[in-house]
Amino acid sequence: MPPKIHKGEQRTPEWFQLRCGRLNGSRAADMLSTIKTGEAAARRNLRVELCLERLLKQPLDSDGYTNAAMEWGIEQEPHALRRYEDAVLGGTLDTLTKVAYVSDELFMAGCSPDALLEDGVIEVKCLKQANHWAIMREQKIPSKYLPQLRHNMWVTKTNWVDFISFDPRFPERLQFYYERLWRKDADIEGYEKQAVVFLEECDKEVDFMKMVEHGHPKW
Protein backbone atom coordinates (compact mmCIF):
# COMPACT_ATOMS: atom_id res chain seq x y z
CA MET A 1 0.00 0.00 0.00
CA PRO A 2 1.57 3.33 -1.04
CA PRO A 3 2.11 6.03 1.60
CA LYS A 4 -0.01 9.17 1.76
CA ILE A 5 1.75 12.43 0.91
CA HIS A 6 0.56 15.55 2.72
CA LYS A 7 1.34 18.87 1.06
CA GLY A 8 1.97 22.03 3.07
CA GLU A 9 4.56 23.38 5.47
CA GLN A 10 6.38 21.71 8.33
CA ARG A 11 6.26 22.95 11.94
CA THR A 12 2.69 24.23 11.57
CA PRO A 13 -0.17 23.15 13.88
CA GLU A 14 -1.42 20.90 11.08
CA TRP A 15 2.01 19.27 10.75
CA PHE A 16 2.23 18.56 14.48
CA GLN A 17 -1.20 16.94 14.33
CA LEU A 18 -0.21 14.75 11.38
CA ARG A 19 2.73 13.41 13.40
CA CYS A 20 0.66 12.86 16.53
CA GLY A 21 0.95 9.32 17.91
CA ARG A 22 3.07 8.09 15.01
CA LEU A 23 6.56 6.67 14.96
CA ASN A 24 8.55 9.35 13.13
CA GLY A 25 11.98 9.25 11.56
CA SER A 26 13.49 11.67 14.06
CA ARG A 27 12.78 9.14 16.85
CA ALA A 28 13.78 5.97 15.00
CA ALA A 29 17.03 5.73 16.94
CA ASP A 30 15.10 5.78 20.22
CA MET A 31 12.88 2.94 18.98
CA LEU A 32 15.98 0.88 18.19
CA SER A 33 17.70 1.57 21.53
CA THR A 34 18.76 -1.53 23.46
CA ILE A 35 20.45 -2.42 26.73
CA LYS A 36 21.79 -5.72 28.06
CA THR A 37 18.67 -6.50 30.08
CA GLY A 38 15.20 -5.02 30.02
CA GLU A 39 14.06 -2.12 27.88
CA ALA A 40 16.16 0.95 27.13
CA ALA A 41 14.81 4.15 28.70
CA ALA A 42 14.74 5.94 25.34
CA ARG A 43 12.57 3.20 23.82
CA ARG A 44 10.24 3.06 26.82
CA ASN A 45 9.85 6.84 26.96
CA LEU A 46 9.08 7.01 23.25
CA ARG A 47 6.42 4.30 23.56
CA VAL A 48 4.73 6.10 26.45
CA GLU A 49 4.83 9.46 24.62
CA LEU A 50 3.22 8.01 21.50
CA CYS A 51 0.58 6.22 23.52
CA LEU A 52 -0.30 9.39 25.42
CA GLU A 53 -0.58 11.31 22.15
CA ARG A 54 -3.01 8.70 20.83
CA LEU A 55 -5.03 8.70 24.04
CA LEU A 56 -5.14 12.51 24.36
CA LYS A 57 -5.41 13.04 20.59
CA GLN A 58 -2.90 15.85 20.71
CA PRO A 59 0.87 16.11 20.19
CA LEU A 60 3.06 16.52 23.24
CA ASP A 61 5.67 18.62 21.42
CA SER A 62 3.44 21.15 19.67
CA ASP A 63 4.94 24.28 21.23
CA GLY A 64 7.29 24.66 18.25
CA TYR A 65 10.36 25.08 20.46
CA THR A 66 13.59 25.81 18.59
CA ASN A 67 17.03 26.94 19.68
CA ALA A 68 19.59 29.00 17.77
CA ALA A 69 21.23 25.95 16.19
CA MET A 70 17.86 24.59 15.03
CA GLU A 71 16.84 27.96 13.61
CA TRP A 72 20.10 28.20 11.70
CA GLY A 73 19.58 24.73 10.28
CA ILE A 74 16.04 25.60 9.17
CA GLU A 75 17.31 28.76 7.46
CA GLN A 76 20.10 26.92 5.64
CA GLU A 77 18.02 23.98 4.38
CA PRO A 78 16.77 25.73 1.20
CA HIS A 79 20.35 26.68 0.33
CA ALA A 80 21.47 23.09 0.87
CA LEU A 81 18.73 21.84 -1.45
CA ARG A 82 19.69 24.35 -4.15
CA ARG A 83 23.29 23.20 -3.86
CA TYR A 84 22.10 19.60 -4.22
CA GLU A 85 20.10 20.49 -7.32
CA ASP A 86 23.17 22.09 -8.89
CA ALA A 87 25.67 19.41 -7.87
CA VAL A 88 23.59 16.25 -8.26
CA LEU A 89 20.60 17.05 -10.46
CA GLY A 90 22.23 19.57 -12.78
CA GLY A 91 21.34 18.93 -16.40
CA THR A 92 18.53 16.48 -15.57
CA LEU A 93 14.77 16.83 -15.65
CA ASP A 94 14.41 15.64 -12.05
CA THR A 95 12.83 18.15 -9.68
CA LEU A 96 12.59 18.15 -5.92
CA THR A 97 9.18 17.98 -4.28
CA LYS A 98 8.68 19.64 -0.90
CA VAL A 99 6.04 18.08 1.35
CA ALA A 100 4.87 18.51 4.92
CA TYR A 101 4.58 14.85 5.86
CA VAL A 102 4.40 11.30 4.53
CA SER A 103 2.24 8.85 6.46
CA ASP A 104 2.20 5.07 6.22
CA GLU A 105 -1.31 3.82 5.47
CA LEU A 106 -0.82 0.45 7.20
CA PHE A 107 1.18 1.33 10.31
CA MET A 108 1.11 4.30 12.70
CA ALA A 109 4.33 5.67 11.27
CA GLY A 110 5.44 8.57 9.13
CA CYS A 111 8.25 10.94 8.29
CA SER A 112 8.95 14.54 7.33
CA PRO A 113 11.41 14.35 4.42
CA ASP A 114 13.32 17.47 3.46
CA ALA A 115 12.44 16.70 -0.16
CA LEU A 116 11.30 13.85 -2.39
CA LEU A 117 12.29 12.68 -5.84
CA GLU A 118 10.43 10.09 -7.89
CA ASP A 119 12.35 7.17 -6.41
CA GLY A 120 14.25 8.71 -3.54
CA VAL A 121 14.12 10.84 -0.42
CA ILE A 122 16.42 13.68 0.65
CA GLU A 123 17.66 14.25 4.20
CA VAL A 124 19.53 17.50 4.94
CA LYS A 125 21.68 18.19 7.99
CA CYS A 126 23.04 21.68 8.69
CA LEU A 127 25.12 21.02 11.77
CA LYS A 128 27.61 22.67 14.06
CA GLN A 129 30.87 23.36 12.24
CA ALA A 130 32.82 20.67 14.11
CA ASN A 131 30.21 18.05 13.23
CA HIS A 132 30.12 19.08 9.58
CA TRP A 133 33.91 18.88 9.44
CA ALA A 134 33.84 15.39 10.97
CA ILE A 135 31.58 14.26 8.12
CA MET A 136 33.78 15.91 5.49
CA ARG A 137 36.85 14.29 7.03
CA GLU A 138 35.38 10.79 7.29
CA GLN A 139 33.50 10.98 3.97
CA LYS A 140 30.66 8.80 5.19
CA ILE A 141 27.23 9.04 6.78
CA PRO A 142 27.52 9.08 10.60
CA SER A 143 25.98 5.96 12.09
CA LYS A 144 23.72 8.04 14.37
CA TYR A 145 21.68 9.10 11.33
CA LEU A 146 21.21 5.66 9.81
CA PRO A 147 18.02 4.81 11.78
CA GLN A 148 16.31 7.95 10.47
CA LEU A 149 17.43 7.27 6.90
CA ARG A 150 16.20 3.67 7.06
CA HIS A 151 12.90 4.77 8.57
CA ASN A 152 12.34 7.39 5.87
CA MET A 153 12.98 4.85 3.10
CA TRP A 154 10.63 2.40 4.81
CA VAL A 155 7.79 4.90 5.05
CA THR A 156 8.21 6.47 1.61
CA LYS A 157 8.75 3.10 -0.12
CA THR A 158 11.66 4.60 -2.04
CA ASN A 159 14.82 2.84 -3.23
CA TRP A 160 17.40 5.28 -1.89
CA VAL A 161 18.00 8.24 0.38
CA ASP A 162 20.50 11.01 -0.27
CA PHE A 163 22.14 12.30 2.90
CA ILE A 164 23.38 15.91 2.74
CA SER A 165 25.59 17.83 5.12
CA PHE A 166 25.89 21.53 4.31
CA ASP A 167 27.66 24.47 5.93
CA PRO A 168 28.17 27.71 3.96
CA ARG A 169 30.60 29.01 6.59
CA PHE A 170 33.28 26.71 5.17
CA PRO A 171 35.42 27.34 2.10
CA GLU A 172 33.56 26.49 -1.12
CA ARG A 173 34.91 22.98 -1.61
CA LEU A 174 34.23 22.02 2.01
CA GLN A 175 30.64 23.27 2.23
CA PHE A 176 28.73 20.36 0.75
CA TYR A 177 28.77 16.60 1.24
CA TYR A 178 26.28 14.06 -0.01
CA GLU A 179 26.10 10.28 -0.05
CA ARG A 180 23.44 7.92 -1.34
CA LEU A 181 22.25 5.03 0.80
CA TRP A 182 20.51 2.35 -1.24
CA ARG A 183 17.56 0.39 0.07
CA LYS A 184 19.28 -2.91 -0.73
CA ASP A 185 22.12 -1.94 1.64
CA ALA A 186 19.94 -0.71 4.50
CA ASP A 187 18.12 -3.90 5.61
CA ILE A 188 14.71 -2.26 5.41
CA GLU A 189 12.97 -5.59 6.04
CA GLY A 190 14.86 -5.96 9.31
CA TYR A 191 13.98 -2.41 10.29
CA GLU A 192 10.30 -3.00 9.51
CA LYS A 193 10.21 -6.07 11.76
CA GLN A 194 11.54 -4.04 14.69
CA ALA A 195 9.19 -1.14 13.98
CA VAL A 196 6.14 -3.42 13.75
CA VAL A 197 6.96 -5.08 17.09
CA PHE A 198 7.32 -1.66 18.70
CA LEU A 199 4.06 -0.38 17.23
CA GLU A 200 2.23 -3.51 18.38
CA GLU A 201 3.49 -2.79 21.89
CA CYS A 202 2.13 0.75 21.54
CA ASP A 203 -1.28 -0.62 20.50
CA LYS A 204 -1.40 -2.87 23.56
CA GLU A 205 -0.43 -0.05 25.91
CA VAL A 206 -3.09 2.25 24.45
CA ASP A 207 -5.67 -0.52 24.98
CA PHE A 208 -4.51 -0.81 28.59
CA MET A 209 -4.76 2.97 29.08
CA LYS A 210 -8.32 2.93 27.76
CA MET A 211 -9.21 0.01 30.01
CA VAL A 212 -8.03 1.96 33.05
CA GLU A 213 -9.81 5.09 31.80
CA HIS A 214 -13.11 3.28 31.59
CA GLY A 215 -12.88 1.86 35.09
CA HIS A 216 -11.77 -1.75 34.75
CA PRO A 217 -12.72 -3.56 38.02
CA LYS A 218 -9.06 -4.07 38.86
CA TRP A 219 -8.74 -0.30 39.14
C-alpha atoms as a PDB file:
ATOM      1  CA  MET A   1       0.000   0.000   0.000  1.00  0.00           C
ATOM      2  CA  PRO A   2       1.566   3.333  -1.040  1.00  0.00           C
ATOM      3  CA  PRO A   3       2.109   6.031   1.596  1.00  0.00           C
ATOM      4  CA  LYS A   4      -0.007   9.170   1.763  1.00  0.00           C
ATOM      5  CA  ILE A   5       1.754  12.434   0.913  1.00  0.00           C
ATOM      6  CA  HIS A   6       0.563  15.554   2.720  1.00  0.00           C
ATOM      7  CA  LYS A   7       1.342  18.875   1.060  1.00  0.00           C
ATOM      8  CA  GLY A   8       1.968  22.026   3.075  1.00  0.00           C
ATOM      9  CA  GLU A   9       4.564  23.382   5.471  1.00  0.00           C
ATOM     10  CA  GLN A  10       6.377  21.711   8.326  1.00  0.00           C
ATOM     11  CA  ARG A  11       6.263  22.947  11.942  1.00  0.00           C
ATOM     12  CA  THR A  12       2.694  24.228  11.572  1.00  0.00           C
ATOM     13  CA  PRO A  13      -0.172  23.148  13.878  1.00  0.00           C
ATOM     14  CA  GLU A  14      -1.417  20.897  11.076  1.00  0.00           C
ATOM     15  CA  TRP A  15       2.006  19.266  10.751  1.00  0.00           C
ATOM     16  CA  PHE A  16       2.232  18.561  14.477  1.00  0.00           C
ATOM     17  CA  GLN A  17      -1.204  16.944  14.327  1.00  0.00           C
ATOM     18  CA  LEU A  18      -0.209  14.749  11.377  1.00  0.00           C
ATOM     19  CA  ARG A  19       2.725  13.407  13.399  1.00  0.00           C
ATOM     20  CA  CYS A  20       0.659  12.858  16.535  1.00  0.00           C
ATOM     21  CA  GLY A  21       0.949   9.317  17.911  1.00  0.00           C
ATOM     22  CA  ARG A  22       3.068   8.095  15.011  1.00  0.00           C
ATOM     23  CA  LEU A  23       6.562   6.670  14.955  1.00  0.00           C
ATOM     24  CA  ASN A  24       8.547   9.347  13.130  1.00  0.00           C
ATOM     25  CA  GLY A  25      11.983   9.250  11.558  1.00  0.00           C
ATOM     26  CA  SER A  26      13.486  11.667  14.056  1.00  0.00           C
ATOM     27  CA  ARG A  27      12.778   9.145  16.850  1.00  0.00           C
ATOM     28  CA  ALA A  28      13.780   5.972  15.000  1.00  0.00           C
ATOM     29  CA  ALA A  29      17.032   5.729  16.940  1.00  0.00           C
ATOM     30  CA  ASP A  30      15.102   5.775  20.223  1.00  0.00           C
ATOM     31  CA  MET A  31      12.881   2.945  18.985  1.00  0.00           C
ATOM     32  CA  LEU A  32      15.984   0.880  18.189  1.00  0.00           C
ATOM     33  CA  SER A  33      17.701   1.565  21.529  1.00  0.00           C
ATOM     34  CA  THR A  34      18.761  -1.529  23.458  1.00  0.00           C
ATOM     35  CA  ILE A  35      20.447  -2.416  26.734  1.00  0.00           C
ATOM     36  CA  LYS A  36      21.790  -5.719  28.064  1.00  0.00           C
ATOM     37  CA  THR A  37      18.665  -6.505  30.076  1.00  0.00           C
ATOM     38  CA  GLY A  38      15.197  -5.024  30.017  1.00  0.00           C
ATOM     39  CA  GLU A  39      14.062  -2.117  27.877  1.00  0.00           C
ATOM     40  CA  ALA A  40      16.164   0.952  27.129  1.00  0.00           C
ATOM     41  CA  ALA A  41      14.814   4.148  28.702  1.00  0.00           C
ATOM     42  CA  ALA A  42      14.739   5.938  25.344  1.00  0.00           C
ATOM     43  CA  ARG A  43      12.573   3.201  23.822  1.00  0.00           C
ATOM     44  CA  ARG A  44      10.239   3.058  26.818  1.00  0.00           C
ATOM     45  CA  ASN A  45       9.853   6.838  26.962  1.00  0.00           C
ATOM     46  CA  LEU A  46       9.077   7.006  23.248  1.00  0.00           C
ATOM     47  CA  ARG A  47       6.418   4.299  23.563  1.00  0.00           C
ATOM     48  CA  VAL A  48       4.733   6.104  26.455  1.00  0.00           C
ATOM     49  CA  GLU A  49       4.828   9.456  24.616  1.00  0.00           C
ATOM     50  CA  LEU A  50       3.225   8.011  21.496  1.00  0.00           C
ATOM     51  CA  CYS A  51       0.575   6.217  23.519  1.00  0.00           C
ATOM     52  CA  LEU A  52      -0.296   9.391  25.422  1.00  0.00           C
ATOM     53  CA  GLU A  53      -0.578  11.305  22.153  1.00  0.00           C
ATOM     54  CA  ARG A  54      -3.013   8.705  20.831  1.00  0.00           C
ATOM     55  CA  LEU A  55      -5.031   8.705  24.045  1.00  0.00           C
ATOM     56  CA  LEU A  56      -5.142  12.505  24.359  1.00  0.00           C
ATOM     57  CA  LYS A  57      -5.408  13.038  20.587  1.00  0.00           C
ATOM     58  CA  GLN A  58      -2.898  15.846  20.711  1.00  0.00           C
ATOM     59  CA  PRO A  59       0.871  16.113  20.186  1.00  0.00           C
ATOM     60  CA  LEU A  60       3.055  16.521  23.244  1.00  0.00           C
ATOM     61  CA  ASP A  61       5.672  18.625  21.419  1.00  0.00           C
ATOM     62  CA  SER A  62       3.435  21.148  19.670  1.00  0.00           C
ATOM     63  CA  ASP A  63       4.942  24.282  21.231  1.00  0.00           C
ATOM     64  CA  GLY A  64       7.286  24.661  18.253  1.00  0.00           C
ATOM     65  CA  TYR A  65      10.358  25.084  20.462  1.00  0.00           C
ATOM     66  CA  THR A  66      13.589  25.814  18.591  1.00  0.00           C
ATOM     67  CA  ASN A  67      17.029  26.942  19.683  1.00  0.00           C
ATOM     68  CA  ALA A  68      19.589  28.999  17.772  1.00  0.00           C
ATOM     69  CA  ALA A  69      21.231  25.952  16.187  1.00  0.00           C
ATOM     70  CA  MET A  70      17.863  24.588  15.031  1.00  0.00           C
ATOM     71  CA  GLU A  71      16.836  27.961  13.609  1.00  0.00           C
ATOM     72  CA  TRP A  72      20.099  28.203  11.702  1.00  0.00           C
ATOM     73  CA  GLY A  73      19.584  24.730  10.281  1.00  0.00           C
ATOM     74  CA  ILE A  74      16.041  25.596   9.167  1.00  0.00           C
ATOM     75  CA  GLU A  75      17.309  28.761   7.456  1.00  0.00           C
ATOM     76  CA  GLN A  76      20.098  26.921   5.638  1.00  0.00           C
ATOM     77  CA  GLU A  77      18.021  23.983   4.383  1.00  0.00           C
ATOM     78  CA  PRO A  78      16.774  25.731   1.198  1.00  0.00           C
ATOM     79  CA  HIS A  79      20.353  26.684   0.334  1.00  0.00           C
ATOM     80  CA  ALA A  80      21.465  23.093   0.871  1.00  0.00           C
ATOM     81  CA  LEU A  81      18.729  21.840  -1.454  1.00  0.00           C
ATOM     82  CA  ARG A  82      19.688  24.347  -4.153  1.00  0.00           C
ATOM     83  CA  ARG A  83      23.295  23.198  -3.861  1.00  0.00           C
ATOM     84  CA  TYR A  84      22.096  19.604  -4.217  1.00  0.00           C
ATOM     85  CA  GLU A  85      20.105  20.486  -7.320  1.00  0.00           C
ATOM     86  CA  ASP A  86      23.165  22.085  -8.892  1.00  0.00           C
ATOM     87  CA  ALA A  87      25.666  19.414  -7.872  1.00  0.00           C
ATOM     88  CA  VAL A  88      23.590  16.247  -8.260  1.00  0.00           C
ATOM     89  CA  LEU A  89      20.600  17.046 -10.462  1.00  0.00           C
ATOM     90  CA  GLY A  90      22.228  19.573 -12.775  1.00  0.00           C
ATOM     91  CA  GLY A  91      21.336  18.930 -16.398  1.00  0.00           C
ATOM     92  CA  THR A  92      18.533  16.480 -15.568  1.00  0.00           C
ATOM     93  CA  LEU A  93      14.767  16.830 -15.650  1.00  0.00           C
ATOM     94  CA  ASP A  94      14.411  15.642 -12.046  1.00  0.00           C
ATOM     95  CA  THR A  95      12.826  18.154  -9.683  1.00  0.00           C
ATOM     96  CA  LEU A  96      12.586  18.147  -5.915  1.00  0.00           C
ATOM     97  CA  THR A  97       9.182  17.980  -4.276  1.00  0.00           C
ATOM     98  CA  LYS A  98       8.685  19.642  -0.899  1.00  0.00           C
ATOM     99  CA  VAL A  99       6.036  18.079   1.353  1.00  0.00           C
ATOM    100  CA  ALA A 100       4.867  18.509   4.919  1.00  0.00           C
ATOM    101  CA  TYR A 101       4.577  14.851   5.859  1.00  0.00           C
ATOM    102  CA  VAL A 102       4.395  11.302   4.529  1.00  0.00           C
ATOM    103  CA  SER A 103       2.235   8.849   6.464  1.00  0.00           C
ATOM    104  CA  ASP A 104       2.200   5.073   6.222  1.00  0.00           C
ATOM    105  CA  GLU A 105      -1.305   3.819   5.468  1.00  0.00           C
ATOM    106  CA  LEU A 106      -0.818   0.451   7.198  1.00  0.00           C
ATOM    107  CA  PHE A 107       1.178   1.332  10.306  1.00  0.00           C
ATOM    108  CA  MET A 108       1.109   4.296  12.696  1.00  0.00           C
ATOM    109  CA  ALA A 109       4.334   5.674  11.271  1.00  0.00           C
ATOM    110  CA  GLY A 110       5.435   8.574   9.134  1.00  0.00           C
ATOM    111  CA  CYS A 111       8.249  10.944   8.290  1.00  0.00           C
ATOM    112  CA  SER A 112       8.948  14.539   7.327  1.00  0.00           C
ATOM    113  CA  PRO A 113      11.405  14.352   4.424  1.00  0.00           C
ATOM    114  CA  ASP A 114      13.316  17.468   3.458  1.00  0.00           C
ATOM    115  CA  ALA A 115      12.439  16.695  -0.159  1.00  0.00           C
ATOM    116  CA  LEU A 116      11.301  13.851  -2.390  1.00  0.00           C
ATOM    117  CA  LEU A 117      12.288  12.676  -5.836  1.00  0.00           C
ATOM    118  CA  GLU A 118      10.432  10.086  -7.890  1.00  0.00           C
ATOM    119  CA  ASP A 119      12.345   7.168  -6.406  1.00  0.00           C
ATOM    120  CA  GLY A 120      14.253   8.709  -3.535  1.00  0.00           C
ATOM    121  CA  VAL A 121      14.125  10.840  -0.418  1.00  0.00           C
ATOM    122  CA  ILE A 122      16.419  13.679   0.652  1.00  0.00           C
ATOM    123  CA  GLU A 123      17.664  14.248   4.197  1.00  0.00           C
ATOM    124  CA  VAL A 124      19.530  17.496   4.945  1.00  0.00           C
ATOM    125  CA  LYS A 125      21.684  18.188   7.991  1.00  0.00           C
ATOM    126  CA  CYS A 126      23.037  21.681   8.694  1.00  0.00           C
ATOM    127  CA  LEU A 127      25.116  21.023  11.768  1.00  0.00           C
ATOM    128  CA  LYS A 128      27.613  22.672  14.061  1.00  0.00           C
ATOM    129  CA  GLN A 129      30.870  23.355  12.241  1.00  0.00           C
ATOM    130  CA  ALA A 130      32.819  20.673  14.112  1.00  0.00           C
ATOM    131  CA  ASN A 131      30.208  18.048  13.230  1.00  0.00           C
ATOM    132  CA  HIS A 132      30.122  19.080   9.575  1.00  0.00           C
ATOM    133  CA  TRP A 133      33.911  18.883   9.437  1.00  0.00           C
ATOM    134  CA  ALA A 134      33.836  15.386  10.970  1.00  0.00           C
ATOM    135  CA  ILE A 135      31.577  14.260   8.117  1.00  0.00           C
ATOM    136  CA  MET A 136      33.783  15.913   5.491  1.00  0.00           C
ATOM    137  CA  ARG A 137      36.855  14.292   7.030  1.00  0.00           C
ATOM    138  CA  GLU A 138      35.385  10.791   7.290  1.00  0.00           C
ATOM    139  CA  GLN A 139      33.500  10.980   3.971  1.00  0.00           C
ATOM    140  CA  LYS A 140      30.662   8.799   5.191  1.00  0.00           C
ATOM    141  CA  ILE A 141      27.230   9.037   6.782  1.00  0.00           C
ATOM    142  CA  PRO A 142      27.524   9.080  10.598  1.00  0.00           C
ATOM    143  CA  SER A 143      25.980   5.955  12.090  1.00  0.00           C
ATOM    144  CA  LYS A 144      23.723   8.042  14.371  1.00  0.00           C
ATOM    145  CA  TYR A 145      21.677   9.105  11.332  1.00  0.00           C
ATOM    146  CA  LEU A 146      21.214   5.660   9.810  1.00  0.00           C
ATOM    147  CA  PRO A 147      18.017   4.806  11.776  1.00  0.00           C
ATOM    148  CA  GLN A 148      16.307   7.950  10.470  1.00  0.00           C
ATOM    149  CA  LEU A 149      17.426   7.273   6.905  1.00  0.00           C
ATOM    150  CA  ARG A 150      16.204   3.671   7.060  1.00  0.00           C
ATOM    151  CA  HIS A 151      12.897   4.774   8.569  1.00  0.00           C
ATOM    152  CA  ASN A 152      12.336   7.389   5.867  1.00  0.00           C
ATOM    153  CA  MET A 153      12.978   4.853   3.104  1.00  0.00           C
ATOM    154  CA  TRP A 154      10.634   2.395   4.815  1.00  0.00           C
ATOM    155  CA  VAL A 155       7.786   4.903   5.053  1.00  0.00           C
ATOM    156  CA  THR A 156       8.210   6.468   1.612  1.00  0.00           C
ATOM    157  CA  LYS A 157       8.751   3.099  -0.119  1.00  0.00           C
ATOM    158  CA  THR A 158      11.663   4.605  -2.043  1.00  0.00           C
ATOM    159  CA  ASN A 159      14.817   2.841  -3.225  1.00  0.00           C
ATOM    160  CA  TRP A 160      17.396   5.284  -1.890  1.00  0.00           C
ATOM    161  CA  VAL A 161      17.995   8.243   0.375  1.00  0.00           C
ATOM    162  CA  ASP A 162      20.504  11.008  -0.273  1.00  0.00           C
ATOM    163  CA  PHE A 163      22.145  12.304   2.901  1.00  0.00           C
ATOM    164  CA  ILE A 164      23.377  15.906   2.739  1.00  0.00           C
ATOM    165  CA  SER A 165      25.588  17.832   5.125  1.00  0.00           C
ATOM    166  CA  PHE A 166      25.890  21.530   4.312  1.00  0.00           C
ATOM    167  CA  ASP A 167      27.659  24.471   5.931  1.00  0.00           C
ATOM    168  CA  PRO A 168      28.167  27.709   3.958  1.00  0.00           C
ATOM    169  CA  ARG A 169      30.601  29.012   6.593  1.00  0.00           C
ATOM    170  CA  PHE A 170      33.283  26.706   5.174  1.00  0.00           C
ATOM    171  CA  PRO A 171      35.416  27.343   2.098  1.00  0.00           C
ATOM    172  CA  GLU A 172      33.559  26.494  -1.118  1.00  0.00           C
ATOM    173  CA  ARG A 173      34.915  22.977  -1.606  1.00  0.00           C
ATOM    174  CA  LEU A 174      34.226  22.022   2.013  1.00  0.00           C
ATOM    175  CA  GLN A 175      30.637  23.274   2.227  1.00  0.00           C
ATOM    176  CA  PHE A 176      28.734  20.358   0.750  1.00  0.00           C
ATOM    177  CA  TYR A 177      28.772  16.595   1.239  1.00  0.00           C
ATOM    178  CA  TYR A 178      26.284  14.056  -0.014  1.00  0.00           C
ATOM    179  CA  GLU A 179      26.103  10.283  -0.048  1.00  0.00           C
ATOM    180  CA  ARG A 180      23.437   7.921  -1.343  1.00  0.00           C
ATOM    181  CA  LEU A 181      22.252   5.031   0.802  1.00  0.00           C
ATOM    182  CA  TRP A 182      20.513   2.347  -1.242  1.00  0.00           C
ATOM    183  CA  ARG A 183      17.557   0.387   0.065  1.00  0.00           C
ATOM    184  CA  LYS A 184      19.284  -2.911  -0.727  1.00  0.00           C
ATOM    185  CA  ASP A 185      22.119  -1.940   1.639  1.00  0.00           C
ATOM    186  CA  ALA A 186      19.941  -0.715   4.502  1.00  0.00           C
ATOM    187  CA  ASP A 187      18.116  -3.905   5.612  1.00  0.00           C
ATOM    188  CA  ILE A 188      14.708  -2.259   5.406  1.00  0.00           C
ATOM    189  CA  GLU A 189      12.973  -5.590   6.042  1.00  0.00           C
ATOM    190  CA  GLY A 190      14.864  -5.963   9.306  1.00  0.00           C
ATOM    191  CA  TYR A 191      13.982  -2.412  10.288  1.00  0.00           C
ATOM    192  CA  GLU A 192      10.304  -2.998   9.507  1.00  0.00           C
ATOM    193  CA  LYS A 193      10.209  -6.067  11.756  1.00  0.00           C
ATOM    194  CA  GLN A 194      11.544  -4.042  14.688  1.00  0.00           C
ATOM    195  CA  ALA A 195       9.189  -1.135  13.984  1.00  0.00           C
ATOM    196  CA  VAL A 196       6.143  -3.423  13.754  1.00  0.00           C
ATOM    197  CA  VAL A 197       6.960  -5.082  17.090  1.00  0.00           C
ATOM    198  CA  PHE A 198       7.323  -1.659  18.697  1.00  0.00           C
ATOM    199  CA  LEU A 199       4.062  -0.380  17.230  1.00  0.00           C
ATOM    200  CA  GLU A 200       2.228  -3.507  18.377  1.00  0.00           C
ATOM    201  CA  GLU A 201       3.491  -2.786  21.888  1.00  0.00           C
ATOM    202  CA  CYS A 202       2.127   0.751  21.545  1.00  0.00           C
ATOM    203  CA  ASP A 203      -1.278  -0.619  20.505  1.00  0.00           C
ATOM    204  CA  LYS A 204      -1.396  -2.873  23.562  1.00  0.00           C
ATOM    205  CA  GLU A 205      -0.431  -0.053  25.906  1.00  0.00           C
ATOM    206  CA  VAL A 206      -3.088   2.245  24.454  1.00  0.00           C
ATOM    207  CA  ASP A 207      -5.671  -0.520  24.975  1.00  0.00           C
ATOM    208  CA  PHE A 208      -4.515  -0.809  28.588  1.00  0.00           C
ATOM    209  CA  MET A 209      -4.764   2.969  29.083  1.00  0.00           C
ATOM    210  CA  LYS A 210      -8.324   2.933  27.760  1.00  0.00           C
ATOM    211  CA  MET A 211      -9.214   0.009  30.008  1.00  0.00           C
ATOM    212  CA  VAL A 212      -8.026   1.964  33.050  1.00  0.00           C
ATOM    213  CA  GLU A 213      -9.806   5.095  31.800  1.00  0.00           C
ATOM    214  CA  HIS A 214     -13.112   3.277  31.588  1.00  0.00           C
ATOM    215  CA  GLY A 215     -12.884   1.856  35.086  1.00  0.00           C
ATOM    216  CA  HIS A 216     -11.771  -1.749  34.753  1.00  0.00           C
ATOM    217  CA  PRO A 217     -12.720  -3.558  38.018  1.00  0.00           C
ATOM    218  CA  LYS A 218      -9.055  -4.073  38.858  1.00  0.00           C
ATOM    219  CA  TRP A 219      -8.738  -0.297  39.140  1.00  0.00           C
END
